[in-house]
Amino acid sequence: MTELTAEEHDPDFKWGVSTAAYQTEGAILTDGKGVSIWDEFANRPGKTYNNQNANQACDFYHRYQGDLSIIQQLGIPNFRFSIAWSRVLPNGVGKVNQAGLDFYDRLIDSCLEKGITPWVTLYHWDLPAALDKQGGWTNRDIIGWFTEYIERVVSRYQDRVTYWMILNEPMVFTGAGYFFGIHAPGKRGMKFFLSAVHHATLCQAEGGRVVRSLQSTAQIGTTFSCSLVEPHTSRLRDVRAAQRVDALLNRLFIEPTLGKGYPIDQLPVLSRLEKFMKSGDEKSLKFDFDFIGLQCYTREVIRYSWSMPYIFARQVSPQQRGVPTTLMGWEINSDSIYRILKLFHQRYSIDTLIVTENGAAFTDVVQDGRVADEERQQYLNSHIQACMRAKQQGVPLKGYFVWTLTDNFEWAEGYRPTFGLVHVNFQTQKRTIKQSGYWYANLIERYTTEDQRQDAGT
């Protein structure tokens, strides 16, 4: 990594690592936990890579102390994790599971004891299955269900948690889960998708209001998946196709949150959302978040396609373009995160941006007790440098979180892609810190040391 300049140092910058409950905890029916849509989906034949599931995953539910010790050893000061809705409220509403609340008490307390600041995501895709049977995100009643869940959680942990994120990547869980059907709950079609989009956007804002009402000192955010979207050629039809994809991937959820409404101008099919709108909804979609989390991994190159309904656009794959990719088949392009940060700053003038996820999957090999994951280290290096370049140019970037701490269950991709700074042998649950993990620890230490040196005026 190149040397850091004095301008890059910020003592308030939040370095961290991110995880999610379903991908790591395992123990899917332990101590009174209810069934989630992902518990059901991943245990259906043909829904995941090699029919893998997260019934055990990283067994974080039982091994969290050891994983927190690794975070402490690496000197990572901030840990983002999610709370499993069905572990707290097995049926989504109603009777509380005390053992579930107690688990997150222990987890949060252990973070604080080890000098780690907890950042809690309230919804990271694992909707209670009991609510899905009533329509899940397609049912407007979810606003009340979600409110009850947040009230239970925030009132319990507000004395120890400052940083809250309402939703994780709503574009992904609505698109993959309610349009394409490749993620839980496996619904397909525009009707499901649009109703889920509107209700998720309402819940995003209402969730923020609930947290604010319960904890005036809370720092409240939400997180969006985003990708740099560029046209394949300068032809007008490719340019307009890219604009439609940009509206879908990068504008759909943030613009109503900012009071701008849905981006119907660029993506006319969104006019069908009016069917699900009620009086007062436009105002209710808006909430003034303290920070916006952006999760950018790659770039999308788009061309016009008459055969793709609604959006009339198609990706020109990295393989077709002959560019380097990760194990997920995503283009490696660090300029994408730089330009996304600049784009969101210029479009929306958001006061605080945080990269709440960024990372890469590559093939990892444990050899002589070590994992020399040079490709991941290079990916992180180039992307962090790109983030710092945006920060130097005035983007209000206040934090960067690596995805992810440990190799885990990557949704429909199963255990094939490994994103972790820590290798997990899923047969033995043995953890091995990768070269990238030590590299990231060294990076944070260098920042911290420089900040302390500058504060002392030396």
Protein backbone atom coordinates (compact mmCIF):
# COMPACT_ATOMS: atom_id res chain seq x y z
CA MET A 1 0.00 0.00 0.00
CA THR A 2 1.20 3.50 -0.76
CA GLU A 3 2.04 5.84 2.10
CA LEU A 4 -0.83 7.78 3.61
CA THR A 5 -0.76 11.54 3.35
CA ALA A 6 -1.47 13.91 6.22
CA GLU A 7 -4.71 14.96 4.50
CA GLU A 8 -6.02 11.41 4.64
CA HIS A 9 -5.84 11.14 8.42
CA ASP A 10 -9.09 11.67 10.28
CA PRO A 11 -9.28 10.68 13.95
CA ASP A 12 -13.06 10.31 13.68
CA PHE A 13 -12.94 7.99 10.65
CA LYS A 14 -14.71 4.68 11.37
CA TRP A 15 -12.77 1.59 10.35
CA GLY A 16 -14.76 -1.60 10.67
CA VAL A 17 -15.87 -4.98 9.46
CA SER A 18 -19.39 -6.17 8.59
CA THR A 19 -21.36 -9.40 9.00
CA ALA A 20 -25.00 -10.57 8.93
CA ALA A 21 -26.93 -12.83 11.29
CA TYR A 22 -28.22 -15.43 8.86
CA GLN A 23 -24.87 -15.78 7.12
CA THR A 24 -22.92 -16.47 10.31
CA GLU A 25 -25.00 -17.40 13.36
CA GLY A 26 -26.27 -20.87 12.51
CA ALA A 27 -28.33 -22.33 15.41
CA ILE A 28 -31.44 -21.75 13.30
CA LEU A 29 -33.83 -23.41 15.77
CA THR A 30 -31.80 -23.07 18.96
CA ASP A 31 -33.13 -21.51 22.18
CA GLY A 32 -36.56 -20.69 20.85
CA LYS A 33 -35.61 -19.01 17.58
CA GLY A 34 -38.36 -18.96 14.97
CA VAL A 35 -38.00 -19.96 11.33
CA SER A 36 -36.98 -17.26 8.83
CA ILE A 37 -37.64 -17.11 5.10
CA TRP A 38 -34.00 -17.99 4.50
CA ASP A 39 -34.19 -20.99 6.84
CA GLU A 40 -36.99 -22.28 4.62
CA PHE A 41 -35.58 -21.21 1.27
CA ALA A 42 -32.06 -22.59 1.72
CA ASN A 43 -33.44 -25.94 2.81
CA ARG A 44 -35.47 -26.36 -0.39
CA PRO A 45 -33.76 -28.46 -3.08
CA GLY A 46 -32.23 -26.52 -5.94
CA LYS A 47 -32.34 -23.07 -4.37
CA THR A 48 -28.68 -22.69 -3.41
CA TYR A 49 -25.29 -23.79 -4.68
CA ASN A 50 -24.99 -27.55 -4.09
CA ASN A 51 -28.12 -27.34 -1.90
CA GLN A 52 -26.08 -25.75 0.89
CA ASN A 53 -27.73 -24.03 3.84
CA ALA A 54 -26.81 -21.92 6.84
CA ASN A 55 -28.19 -24.26 9.50
CA GLN A 56 -24.76 -24.13 11.14
CA ALA A 57 -22.87 -21.59 9.02
CA CYS A 58 -19.99 -20.16 11.11
CA ASP A 59 -21.74 -21.16 14.36
CA PHE A 60 -21.31 -17.56 15.47
CA TYR A 61 -24.18 -18.06 17.92
CA HIS A 62 -21.90 -20.29 20.00
CA ARG A 63 -18.50 -18.96 18.89
CA TYR A 64 -19.03 -15.21 18.98
CA GLN A 65 -16.53 -14.72 21.80
CA GLY A 66 -13.73 -16.20 19.73
CA ASP A 67 -14.65 -14.15 16.67
CA LEU A 68 -14.81 -10.96 18.73
CA SER A 69 -11.37 -11.83 20.09
CA ILE A 70 -10.11 -11.96 16.49
CA ILE A 71 -11.60 -8.52 15.84
CA GLN A 72 -9.89 -7.28 19.01
CA GLN A 73 -6.59 -8.93 18.02
CA LEU A 74 -6.71 -7.22 14.63
CA GLY A 75 -7.46 -3.88 16.25
CA ILE A 76 -10.66 -3.34 14.26
CA PRO A 77 -12.60 -0.77 16.32
CA ASN A 78 -16.10 -1.13 14.79
CA PHE A 79 -18.17 -4.25 14.20
CA ARG A 80 -21.33 -4.21 12.10
CA PHE A 81 -23.71 -7.13 12.65
CA SER A 82 -27.43 -7.70 12.28
CA ILE A 83 -30.11 -8.89 14.65
CA ALA A 84 -32.19 -11.83 13.49
CA TRP A 85 -35.83 -10.74 13.69
CA SER A 86 -37.04 -14.31 14.22
CA ARG A 87 -34.57 -14.87 17.07
CA VAL A 88 -36.18 -12.00 18.97
CA LEU A 89 -39.80 -12.47 17.81
CA PRO A 90 -40.17 -16.06 16.57
CA ASN A 91 -43.49 -15.30 14.89
CA GLY A 92 -42.48 -11.82 13.79
CA VAL A 93 -44.86 -10.17 16.27
CA GLY A 94 -46.28 -10.98 19.67
CA LYS A 95 -44.41 -13.10 22.19
CA VAL A 96 -40.76 -12.23 22.68
CA ASN A 97 -38.06 -14.91 22.83
CA GLN A 98 -36.12 -14.01 25.96
CA ALA A 99 -33.20 -16.26 25.01
CA GLY A 100 -32.82 -14.34 21.76
CA LEU A 101 -32.73 -11.00 23.53
CA ASP A 102 -30.22 -12.43 25.99
CA PHE A 103 -27.94 -13.55 23.18
CA TYR A 104 -27.69 -10.06 21.72
CA ASP A 105 -27.19 -8.69 25.24
CA ARG A 106 -24.16 -10.95 25.58
CA LEU A 107 -22.90 -10.08 22.10
CA ILE A 108 -23.18 -6.32 22.61
CA ASP A 109 -21.70 -6.48 26.10
CA SER A 110 -18.79 -8.56 24.83
CA CYS A 111 -18.12 -6.04 22.06
CA LEU A 112 -17.95 -3.22 24.56
CA GLU A 113 -15.78 -5.20 26.97
CA LYS A 114 -13.28 -5.75 24.17
CA GLY A 115 -13.27 -2.10 23.10
CA ILE A 116 -15.31 -2.75 19.95
CA THR A 117 -18.16 -0.40 18.98
CA PRO A 118 -21.30 -2.28 17.87
CA TRP A 119 -23.12 -1.11 14.72
CA VAL A 120 -26.47 -2.87 14.48
CA THR A 121 -28.40 -3.59 11.27
CA LEU A 122 -32.05 -4.11 12.10
CA TYR A 123 -33.00 -5.99 8.92
CA HIS A 124 -30.56 -8.04 6.86
CA TRP A 125 -32.98 -10.14 4.79
CA ASP A 126 -34.11 -12.81 7.31
CA LEU A 127 -37.83 -12.05 7.60
CA PRO A 128 -39.73 -14.35 9.98
CA ALA A 129 -41.44 -17.04 7.91
CA ALA A 130 -44.67 -16.56 9.83
CA LEU A 131 -44.92 -13.05 8.37
CA ASP A 132 -44.14 -14.28 4.87
CA LYS A 133 -47.18 -16.52 5.09
CA GLN A 134 -49.17 -13.28 5.39
CA GLY A 135 -47.45 -11.75 2.35
CA GLY A 136 -44.24 -10.49 3.93
CA TRP A 137 -42.97 -7.33 2.28
CA THR A 138 -45.91 -7.36 -0.16
CA ASN A 139 -48.36 -6.81 2.72
CA ARG A 140 -48.72 -3.20 3.91
CA ASP A 141 -49.22 -4.51 7.44
CA ILE A 142 -45.46 -5.04 7.54
CA ILE A 143 -45.11 -1.40 8.58
CA GLY A 144 -46.73 -2.25 11.89
CA TRP A 145 -44.88 -5.55 12.22
CA PHE A 146 -41.54 -3.87 11.56
CA THR A 147 -42.33 -1.06 13.99
CA GLU A 148 -43.09 -3.53 16.78
CA TYR A 149 -39.85 -5.40 16.14
CA ILE A 150 -37.74 -2.22 16.16
CA GLU A 151 -39.38 -0.99 19.35
CA ARG A 152 -38.52 -4.26 21.08
CA VAL A 153 -34.90 -4.20 19.95
CA VAL A 154 -34.01 -0.53 20.32
CA SER A 155 -35.65 -0.15 23.72
CA ARG A 156 -33.60 -3.12 24.90
CA TYR A 157 -30.17 -2.04 23.64
CA GLN A 158 -30.32 1.74 23.37
CA ASP A 159 -28.17 2.17 26.49
CA ARG A 160 -25.28 0.41 24.72
CA VAL A 161 -25.80 0.88 20.96
CA THR A 162 -25.42 4.25 19.27
CA TYR A 163 -25.23 3.27 15.58
CA TRP A 164 -28.30 1.73 13.92
CA MET A 165 -28.97 0.80 10.30
CA ILE A 166 -32.60 0.23 9.35
CA LEU A 167 -32.37 -1.87 6.16
CA ASN A 168 -29.59 -3.65 4.34
CA GLU A 169 -29.68 -3.28 0.55
CA PRO A 170 -33.45 -3.10 -0.09
CA MET A 171 -32.87 -3.22 -3.84
CA VAL A 172 -31.34 -6.68 -3.48
CA PHE A 173 -33.86 -8.28 -1.15
CA THR A 174 -36.81 -6.91 -3.14
CA GLY A 175 -35.32 -7.57 -6.58
CA ALA A 176 -33.82 -10.99 -5.95
CA GLY A 177 -36.55 -12.12 -3.56
CA TYR A 178 -39.70 -10.65 -5.10
CA PHE A 179 -38.98 -10.25 -8.82
CA PHE A 180 -36.42 -12.85 -9.90
CA GLY A 181 -37.22 -15.36 -7.16
CA ILE A 182 -33.58 -16.38 -6.76
CA HIS A 183 -33.48 -15.31 -3.10
CA ALA A 184 -35.93 -15.88 -0.30
CA PRO A 185 -38.88 -15.96 -0.30
CA GLY A 186 -38.68 -16.91 -3.99
CA LYS A 187 -41.53 -14.82 -5.36
CA ARG A 188 -41.46 -13.69 -9.00
CA GLY A 189 -43.13 -10.89 -10.90
CA MET A 190 -43.55 -7.13 -11.14
CA LYS A 191 -46.60 -7.06 -8.84
CA PHE A 192 -44.67 -8.66 -5.99
CA PHE A 193 -41.63 -6.50 -6.64
CA LEU A 194 -43.38 -3.12 -6.73
CA SER A 195 -45.43 -3.73 -3.60
CA ALA A 196 -42.33 -4.94 -1.76
CA VAL A 197 -40.39 -1.87 -2.92
CA HIS A 198 -43.00 0.57 -1.66
CA HIS A 199 -43.50 -1.13 1.68
CA ALA A 200 -39.75 -1.48 2.25
CA THR A 201 -39.25 2.22 1.50
CA LEU A 202 -42.04 3.14 3.92
CA CYS A 203 -40.52 0.85 6.56
CA GLN A 204 -37.10 2.36 6.01
CA ALA A 205 -38.37 5.82 6.91
CA GLU A 206 -40.78 4.69 9.62
CA GLY A 207 -38.01 2.62 11.19
CA GLY A 208 -35.83 5.69 11.36
CA ARG A 209 -38.61 7.64 13.07
CA VAL A 210 -39.15 4.88 15.62
CA VAL A 211 -35.47 4.73 16.53
CA ARG A 212 -35.35 8.53 16.81
CA SER A 213 -38.40 8.55 19.11
CA LEU A 214 -36.82 5.98 21.41
CA GLN A 215 -33.23 7.25 21.42
CA SER A 216 -32.55 10.91 20.75
CA THR A 217 -28.78 10.35 20.74
CA ALA A 218 -28.86 7.55 18.17
CA GLN A 219 -26.91 7.78 14.93
CA ILE A 220 -29.36 6.37 12.40
CA GLY A 221 -28.51 5.18 8.91
CA THR A 222 -29.62 2.77 6.24
CA THR A 223 -27.58 1.01 3.58
CA PHE A 224 -27.89 0.84 -0.20
CA SER A 225 -26.28 -1.46 -2.71
CA CYS A 226 -24.98 0.55 -5.63
CA SER A 227 -22.86 0.05 -8.72
CA LEU A 228 -21.29 2.40 -11.19
CA VAL A 229 -23.49 2.08 -14.29
CA GLU A 230 -22.07 3.02 -17.69
CA PRO A 231 -23.35 2.58 -21.26
CA HIS A 232 -21.59 0.08 -23.50
CA THR A 233 -21.40 2.63 -26.33
CA SER A 234 -22.19 6.32 -26.80
CA ARG A 235 -25.28 5.44 -28.86
CA LEU A 236 -28.39 7.10 -27.44
CA ARG A 237 -30.24 3.84 -26.88
CA ASP A 238 -27.35 2.45 -24.81
CA VAL A 239 -27.08 5.70 -22.85
CA ARG A 240 -30.79 5.64 -22.06
CA ALA A 241 -30.64 1.95 -21.14
CA ALA A 242 -27.85 2.75 -18.67
CA GLN A 243 -29.95 5.58 -17.23
CA ARG A 244 -32.83 3.19 -16.61
CA VAL A 245 -30.54 0.70 -14.86
CA ASP A 246 -29.02 3.51 -12.79
CA ALA A 247 -32.51 4.56 -11.72
CA LEU A 248 -33.27 1.00 -10.65
CA LEU A 249 -29.99 0.19 -8.89
CA ASN A 250 -28.90 3.54 -7.50
CA ARG A 251 -31.89 5.88 -7.26
CA LEU A 252 -34.98 3.79 -6.47
CA PHE A 253 -34.70 3.75 -2.67
CA ILE A 254 -32.66 6.80 -1.79
CA GLU A 255 -34.63 9.42 -3.72
CA PRO A 256 -37.99 8.89 -1.98
CA THR A 257 -36.09 8.83 1.31
CA LEU A 258 -34.72 12.29 0.48
CA GLY A 259 -38.16 13.59 -0.45
CA LYS A 260 -37.60 13.45 -4.21
CA GLY A 261 -40.12 10.72 -4.95
CA TYR A 262 -39.52 7.63 -7.05
CA PRO A 263 -37.39 8.11 -10.22
CA ILE A 264 -40.29 7.56 -12.60
CA ASP A 265 -38.83 10.03 -15.08
CA GLN A 266 -35.98 7.64 -15.94
CA LEU A 267 -37.83 4.36 -15.37
CA PRO A 268 -41.49 4.71 -16.44
CA VAL A 269 -42.54 1.26 -15.18
CA LEU A 270 -42.24 2.70 -11.67
CA SER A 271 -45.44 4.66 -12.35
CA ARG A 272 -47.18 1.40 -11.44
CA LEU A 273 -46.17 2.08 -7.84
CA GLU A 274 -49.14 4.44 -7.69
CA LYS A 275 -51.34 1.39 -7.24
CA PHE A 276 -49.78 0.84 -3.82
CA MET A 277 -49.60 4.49 -2.74
CA LYS A 278 -52.03 5.85 -0.16
CA SER A 279 -52.74 9.37 0.95
CA GLY A 280 -49.77 10.77 2.86
CA ASP A 281 -47.32 8.14 1.64
CA GLU A 282 -45.12 10.57 -0.28
CA LYS A 283 -44.42 12.46 2.94
CA SER A 284 -44.08 9.24 4.95
CA LEU A 285 -41.35 7.95 2.61
CA LYS A 286 -38.99 10.69 3.77
CA PHE A 287 -36.63 10.54 6.73
CA ASP A 288 -33.53 12.56 7.50
CA PHE A 289 -30.90 9.92 8.18
CA ASP A 290 -27.73 10.80 10.08
CA PHE A 291 -25.68 8.80 7.58
CA ILE A 292 -26.13 6.82 4.41
CA GLY A 293 -24.30 3.53 3.98
CA LEU A 294 -23.12 2.68 0.47
CA GLN A 295 -22.12 -0.84 -0.55
CA CYS A 296 -20.28 -0.87 -3.85
CA TYR A 297 -18.37 -3.82 -5.24
CA THR A 298 -18.20 -3.41 -8.99
CA ARG A 299 -19.22 -1.68 -12.22
CA GLU A 300 -22.07 -2.54 -14.60
CA VAL A 301 -21.74 -1.91 -18.34
CA ILE A 302 -25.16 -1.75 -19.99
CA ARG A 303 -26.49 -2.00 -23.54
CA TYR A 304 -29.99 -1.63 -24.94
CA SER A 305 -31.98 -4.87 -25.21
CA TRP A 306 -35.48 -5.03 -26.66
CA SER A 307 -35.98 -8.51 -25.21
CA MET A 308 -35.73 -7.46 -21.56
CA PRO A 309 -39.19 -6.37 -20.43
CA TYR A 310 -39.74 -3.23 -18.35
CA ILE A 311 -36.14 -2.04 -18.45
CA PHE A 312 -35.03 -2.81 -22.04
CA ALA A 313 -31.42 -3.15 -20.98
CA ARG A 314 -28.90 -5.90 -20.49
CA GLN A 315 -25.50 -6.20 -18.86
CA VAL A 316 -22.43 -6.67 -21.02
CA SER A 317 -20.68 -9.11 -18.75
CA PRO A 318 -17.09 -8.68 -17.58
CA GLN A 319 -16.31 -11.99 -19.26
CA GLN A 320 -17.51 -10.62 -22.59
CA ARG A 321 -15.39 -7.53 -22.08
CA GLY A 322 -12.31 -9.52 -21.05
CA VAL A 323 -11.68 -7.66 -17.79
CA PRO A 324 -10.42 -9.11 -14.46
CA THR A 325 -13.08 -10.46 -12.12
CA THR A 326 -13.55 -11.82 -8.62
CA LEU A 327 -14.83 -15.31 -7.87
CA MET A 328 -18.36 -13.87 -8.07
CA GLY A 329 -17.71 -12.88 -11.68
CA TRP A 330 -17.78 -9.19 -10.76
CA GLU A 331 -15.44 -6.79 -12.53
CA ILE A 332 -12.51 -5.58 -10.43
CA ASN A 333 -12.59 -1.83 -10.92
CA SER A 334 -11.62 0.37 -7.98
CA ASP A 335 -12.53 3.50 -9.91
CA SER A 336 -16.16 2.42 -9.54
CA ILE A 337 -16.27 3.06 -5.79
CA TYR A 338 -14.52 6.40 -6.21
CA ARG A 339 -17.03 7.52 -8.82
CA ILE A 340 -20.03 6.19 -6.87
CA LEU A 341 -18.97 8.21 -3.83
CA LYS A 342 -18.52 11.30 -5.98
CA LEU A 343 -21.86 10.67 -7.72
CA PHE A 344 -23.89 10.35 -4.51
CA HIS A 345 -22.21 13.43 -3.05
CA GLN A 346 -22.86 15.53 -6.14
CA ARG A 347 -26.42 14.29 -6.69
CA TYR A 348 -27.69 14.45 -3.15
CA SER A 349 -25.35 16.56 -0.95
CA ILE A 350 -25.58 13.98 1.84
CA ASP A 351 -23.79 15.14 5.00
CA THR A 352 -22.27 11.78 5.97
CA LEU A 353 -21.46 8.79 3.78
CA ILE A 354 -20.03 5.51 5.06
CA VAL A 355 -18.90 2.56 2.99
CA THR A 356 -20.73 -0.06 5.04
CA GLU A 357 -19.57 -2.95 2.82
CA ASN A 358 -16.78 -3.51 0.34
CA GLY A 359 -14.73 -6.62 -0.32
CA ALA A 360 -14.04 -9.47 -2.70
CA ALA A 361 -14.27 -13.23 -3.04
CA PHE A 362 -11.29 -15.16 -4.37
CA THR A 363 -10.15 -18.77 -4.16
CA ASP A 364 -8.34 -19.19 -0.84
CA VAL A 365 -5.95 -21.98 0.12
CA VAL A 366 -4.71 -22.77 3.61
CA GLN A 367 -1.06 -23.78 3.32
CA ASP A 368 1.17 -24.36 6.34
CA GLY A 369 -1.42 -22.65 8.51
CA ARG A 370 -1.49 -19.49 6.37
CA VAL A 371 -3.78 -18.01 3.73
CA ALA A 372 -1.77 -15.82 1.34
CA ASP A 373 -4.71 -14.03 -0.28
CA GLU A 374 -2.75 -11.47 -2.24
CA GLU A 375 -5.61 -10.79 -4.66
CA ARG A 376 -7.95 -9.75 -1.85
CA GLN A 377 -5.28 -7.57 -0.30
CA GLN A 378 -4.75 -5.82 -3.63
CA TYR A 379 -8.50 -5.38 -4.09
CA LEU A 380 -8.93 -3.83 -0.65
CA ASN A 381 -5.85 -1.67 -1.09
CA SER A 382 -7.00 -0.21 -4.40
CA HIS A 383 -10.56 0.34 -3.21
CA ILE A 384 -9.54 2.00 0.05
CA GLN A 385 -7.17 4.25 -1.89
CA ALA A 386 -10.06 5.14 -4.21
CA CYS A 387 -12.24 5.97 -1.20
CA MET A 388 -9.53 8.20 0.24
CA ARG A 389 -9.17 9.97 -3.09
CA ALA A 390 -12.87 10.80 -3.00
CA LYS A 391 -12.53 11.94 0.61
CA GLN A 392 -9.65 14.25 -0.28
CA GLN A 393 -11.81 15.78 -3.01
CA GLY A 394 -14.55 16.80 -0.61
CA VAL A 395 -16.79 13.73 -0.35
CA PRO A 396 -17.97 13.53 3.31
CA LEU A 397 -16.80 9.95 3.73
CA LYS A 398 -16.65 9.07 7.44
CA GLY A 399 -16.04 5.34 7.50
CA TYR A 400 -15.13 2.13 5.68
CA PHE A 401 -16.21 -1.41 6.61
CA VAL A 402 -14.81 -4.55 4.97
CA TRP A 403 -17.18 -7.30 3.93
CA THR A 404 -16.63 -9.55 5.78
CA LEU A 405 -15.03 -10.84 8.97
CA THR A 406 -15.23 -14.58 8.36
CA ASP A 407 -15.99 -16.66 5.31
CA ASN A 408 -19.72 -17.37 5.55
CA PHE A 409 -22.87 -18.49 3.79
CA GLU A 410 -23.25 -16.21 0.76
CA TRP A 411 -26.97 -16.62 0.20
CA ALA A 412 -27.84 -18.49 -3.02
CA GLU A 413 -24.11 -18.91 -3.75
CA GLY A 414 -23.66 -21.02 -0.62
CA TYR A 415 -20.13 -21.43 0.72
CA ARG A 416 -18.42 -21.28 -2.67
CA PRO A 417 -17.41 -17.58 -2.63
CA THR A 418 -15.24 -16.62 0.34
CA PHE A 419 -15.14 -12.92 1.26
CA GLY A 420 -13.68 -13.17 4.76
CA LEU A 421 -10.59 -11.66 6.31
CA VAL A 422 -10.66 -14.91 8.28
CA HIS A 423 -10.81 -18.35 6.68
CA VAL A 424 -13.32 -20.83 8.15
CA ASN A 425 -13.06 -24.59 7.80
CA PHE A 426 -16.77 -25.37 7.89
CA GLN A 427 -16.17 -28.99 8.88
CA THR A 428 -14.10 -28.15 11.97
CA GLN A 429 -15.01 -24.45 12.43
CA LYS A 430 -11.30 -23.66 12.70
CA ARG A 431 -10.50 -20.00 12.04
CA THR A 432 -7.34 -18.86 10.23
CA ILE A 433 -6.63 -15.17 9.83
CA LYS A 434 -5.74 -14.44 6.22
CA GLN A 435 -2.90 -12.24 5.02
CA SER A 436 -5.53 -9.62 4.13
CA GLY A 437 -6.74 -9.60 7.72
CA TYR A 438 -3.26 -8.82 9.03
CA TRP A 439 -2.83 -6.23 6.29
CA TYR A 440 -6.09 -4.50 7.28
CA ALA A 441 -5.02 -4.54 10.92
CA ASN A 442 -1.74 -2.88 9.97
CA LEU A 443 -3.58 -0.24 7.94
CA ILE A 444 -5.81 0.66 10.89
CA GLU A 445 -2.83 0.73 13.25
CA ARG A 446 -0.97 3.11 10.94
CA TYR A 447 -3.95 5.44 10.79
CA THR A 448 -4.42 5.34 14.55
CA THR A 449 -0.74 5.93 15.25
CA GLU A 450 -0.64 8.87 12.84
CA ASP A 451 -3.78 10.36 14.35
CA GLN A 452 -2.30 10.13 17.85
CA ARG A 453 0.97 11.62 16.63
CA GLN A 454 -0.82 14.54 15.00
CA ASP A 455 -3.03 15.11 18.07
CA ALA A 456 0.13 15.34 20.17
CA GLY A 457 1.60 17.85 17.75
CA THR A 458 4.71 15.76 17.08
